[in-house]
Amino acid sequence: MREGLPGMERLTISLPGSLARDMEKLTKEFRISKSEMARRAFEQFIYQCRRKKLLQAAETMAEEYRSDPESTVLTDLDGEEFK
């Protein structure tokens, strides 16, 4: 059995034929391995998921800030210098 790179885990996936063919074309075009392409795709997908969660949390916090008078009490101090 072949050992992978330290810190890496082996993953076996199945792809529909059309996706596998597209992947093959792109790996040749960009001169990267299928593993590298999969890593990049996974990294991008994970980044997008995390960004979506962060944006949803920010939207929730913004809505709470706008709708809760208690959270805006200190806005009168915005722009003032503290001494």
C-alpha atoms as a PDB file:
ATOM      1  CA  MET A   1       0.000   0.000   0.000  1.00  0.00           C
ATOM      2  CA  ARG A   2       1.318   3.429  -0.942  1.00  0.00           C
ATOM      3  CA  GLU A   3       1.822   5.964   1.822  1.00  0.00           C
ATOM      4  CA  GLY A   4       0.485   9.485   1.302  1.00  0.00           C
ATOM      5  CA  LEU A   5       2.089  12.732   2.327  1.00  0.00           C
ATOM      6  CA  PRO A   6       2.418  13.378   6.057  1.00  0.00           C
ATOM      7  CA  GLY A   7      -0.655  15.138   7.412  1.00  0.00           C
ATOM      8  CA  MET A   8      -2.784  14.084   4.451  1.00  0.00           C
ATOM      9  CA  GLU A   9      -5.714  11.683   4.471  1.00  0.00           C
ATOM     10  CA  ARG A  10      -6.675   9.594   1.475  1.00  0.00           C
ATOM     11  CA  LEU A  11     -10.201  10.045   0.124  1.00  0.00           C
ATOM     12  CA  THR A  12     -11.941   7.973  -2.514  1.00  0.00           C
ATOM     13  CA  ILE A  13     -14.865   9.579  -4.328  1.00  0.00           C
ATOM     14  CA  SER A  14     -17.198   8.625  -7.164  1.00  0.00           C
ATOM     15  CA  LEU A  15     -18.167  11.207  -9.774  1.00  0.00           C
ATOM     16  CA  PRO A  16     -20.745  11.184 -12.553  1.00  0.00           C
ATOM     17  CA  GLY A  17     -19.078  10.622 -15.929  1.00  0.00           C
ATOM     18  CA  SER A  18     -19.661  14.165 -17.162  1.00  0.00           C
ATOM     19  CA  LEU A  19     -18.097  15.667 -14.053  1.00  0.00           C
ATOM     20  CA  ALA A  20     -15.132  13.292 -14.276  1.00  0.00           C
ATOM     21  CA  ARG A  21     -14.584  14.282 -17.930  1.00  0.00           C
ATOM     22  CA  ASP A  22     -14.767  17.986 -17.072  1.00  0.00           C
ATOM     23  CA  MET A  23     -12.305  17.417 -14.261  1.00  0.00           C
ATOM     24  CA  GLU A  24      -9.938  15.567 -16.599  1.00  0.00           C
ATOM     25  CA  LYS A  25     -10.025  18.436 -19.123  1.00  0.00           C
ATOM     26  CA  LEU A  26      -9.369  21.053 -16.458  1.00  0.00           C
ATOM     27  CA  THR A  27      -6.543  19.160 -14.795  1.00  0.00           C
ATOM     28  CA  LYS A  28      -4.795  18.965 -18.172  1.00  0.00           C
ATOM     29  CA  GLU A  29      -5.512  22.619 -18.966  1.00  0.00           C
ATOM     30  CA  PHE A  30      -4.184  23.869 -15.619  1.00  0.00           C
ATOM     31  CA  ARG A  31      -1.513  21.172 -15.382  1.00  0.00           C
ATOM     32  CA  ILE A  32      -2.526  20.056 -11.910  1.00  0.00           C
ATOM     33  CA  SER A  33      -3.309  16.669 -10.450  1.00  0.00           C
ATOM     34  CA  LYS A  34      -6.830  15.484  -9.738  1.00  0.00           C
ATOM     35  CA  SER A  35      -5.940  15.569  -6.056  1.00  0.00           C
ATOM     36  CA  GLU A  36      -4.875  19.217  -6.314  1.00  0.00           C
ATOM     37  CA  MET A  37      -8.052  20.115  -8.160  1.00  0.00           C
ATOM     38  CA  ALA A  38     -10.184  18.330  -5.564  1.00  0.00           C
ATOM     39  CA  ARG A  39      -8.317  20.080  -2.720  1.00  0.00           C
ATOM     40  CA  ARG A  40      -8.918  23.473  -4.339  1.00  0.00           C
ATOM     41  CA  ALA A  41     -12.591  22.695  -4.905  1.00  0.00           C
ATOM     42  CA  PHE A  42     -13.049  21.492  -1.322  1.00  0.00           C
ATOM     43  CA  GLU A  43     -11.225  24.535   0.060  1.00  0.00           C
ATOM     44  CA  GLN A  44     -13.419  26.868  -1.995  1.00  0.00           C
ATOM     45  CA  PHE A  45     -16.602  25.062  -0.935  1.00  0.00           C
ATOM     46  CA  ILE A  46     -15.616  25.160   2.752  1.00  0.00           C
ATOM     47  CA  TYR A  47     -14.690  28.852   2.461  1.00  0.00           C
ATOM     48  CA  GLN A  48     -18.085  29.640   0.899  1.00  0.00           C
ATOM     49  CA  CYS A  49     -19.936  27.692   3.607  1.00  0.00           C
ATOM     50  CA  ARG A  50     -18.082  29.491   6.386  1.00  0.00           C
ATOM     51  CA  ARG A  51     -18.633  32.866   4.711  1.00  0.00           C
ATOM     52  CA  LYS A  52     -22.350  32.161   4.338  1.00  0.00           C
ATOM     53  CA  LYS A  53     -22.644  31.268   8.038  1.00  0.00           C
ATOM     54  CA  LEU A  54     -20.728  34.403   9.016  1.00  0.00           C
ATOM     55  CA  LEU A  55     -22.930  36.617   6.831  1.00  0.00           C
ATOM     56  CA  GLN A  56     -26.069  35.037   8.285  1.00  0.00           C
ATOM     57  CA  ALA A  57     -24.791  35.686  11.821  1.00  0.00           C
ATOM     58  CA  ALA A  58     -23.950  39.284  10.920  1.00  0.00           C
ATOM     59  CA  GLU A  59     -27.419  39.803   9.421  1.00  0.00           C
ATOM     60  CA  THR A  60     -29.044  38.389  12.572  1.00  0.00           C
ATOM     61  CA  MET A  61     -26.923  40.629  14.792  1.00  0.00           C
ATOM     62  CA  ALA A  62     -27.665  43.689  12.639  1.00  0.00           C
ATOM     63  CA  GLU A  63     -31.390  43.022  12.796  1.00  0.00           C
ATOM     64  CA  GLU A  64     -31.241  42.603  16.579  1.00  0.00           C
ATOM     65  CA  TYR A  65     -29.231  45.817  16.841  1.00  0.00           C
ATOM     66  CA  ARG A  66     -31.781  47.749  14.756  1.00  0.00           C
ATOM     67  CA  SER A  67     -34.825  46.333  16.566  1.00  0.00           C
ATOM     68  CA  ASP A  68     -33.568  46.474  20.180  1.00  0.00           C
ATOM     69  CA  PRO A  69     -33.469  50.007  21.645  1.00  0.00           C
ATOM     70  CA  GLU A  70     -31.248  48.766  24.479  1.00  0.00           C
ATOM     71  CA  SER A  71     -28.477  47.866  22.039  1.00  0.00           C
ATOM     72  CA  THR A  72     -28.330  51.408  20.635  1.00  0.00           C
ATOM     73  CA  VAL A  73     -28.123  53.266  23.959  1.00  0.00           C
ATOM     74  CA  LEU A  74     -24.412  53.971  23.611  1.00  0.00           C
ATOM     75  CA  THR A  75     -24.567  55.171  20.002  1.00  0.00           C
ATOM     76  CA  ASP A  76     -24.761  58.739  21.325  1.00  0.00           C
ATOM     77  CA  LEU A  77     -21.115  58.296  22.250  1.00  0.00           C
ATOM     78  CA  ASP A  78     -20.084  57.332  18.715  1.00  0.00           C
ATOM     79  CA  GLY A  79     -17.607  59.830  17.362  1.00  0.00           C
ATOM     80  CA  GLU A  80     -16.852  61.390  20.722  1.00  0.00           C
ATOM     81  CA  GLU A  81     -13.321  61.240  22.042  1.00  0.00           C
ATOM     82  CA  PHE A  82     -12.846  59.527  25.360  1.00  0.00           C
ATOM     83  CA  LYS A  83     -10.626  61.350  27.839  1.00  0.00           C
END
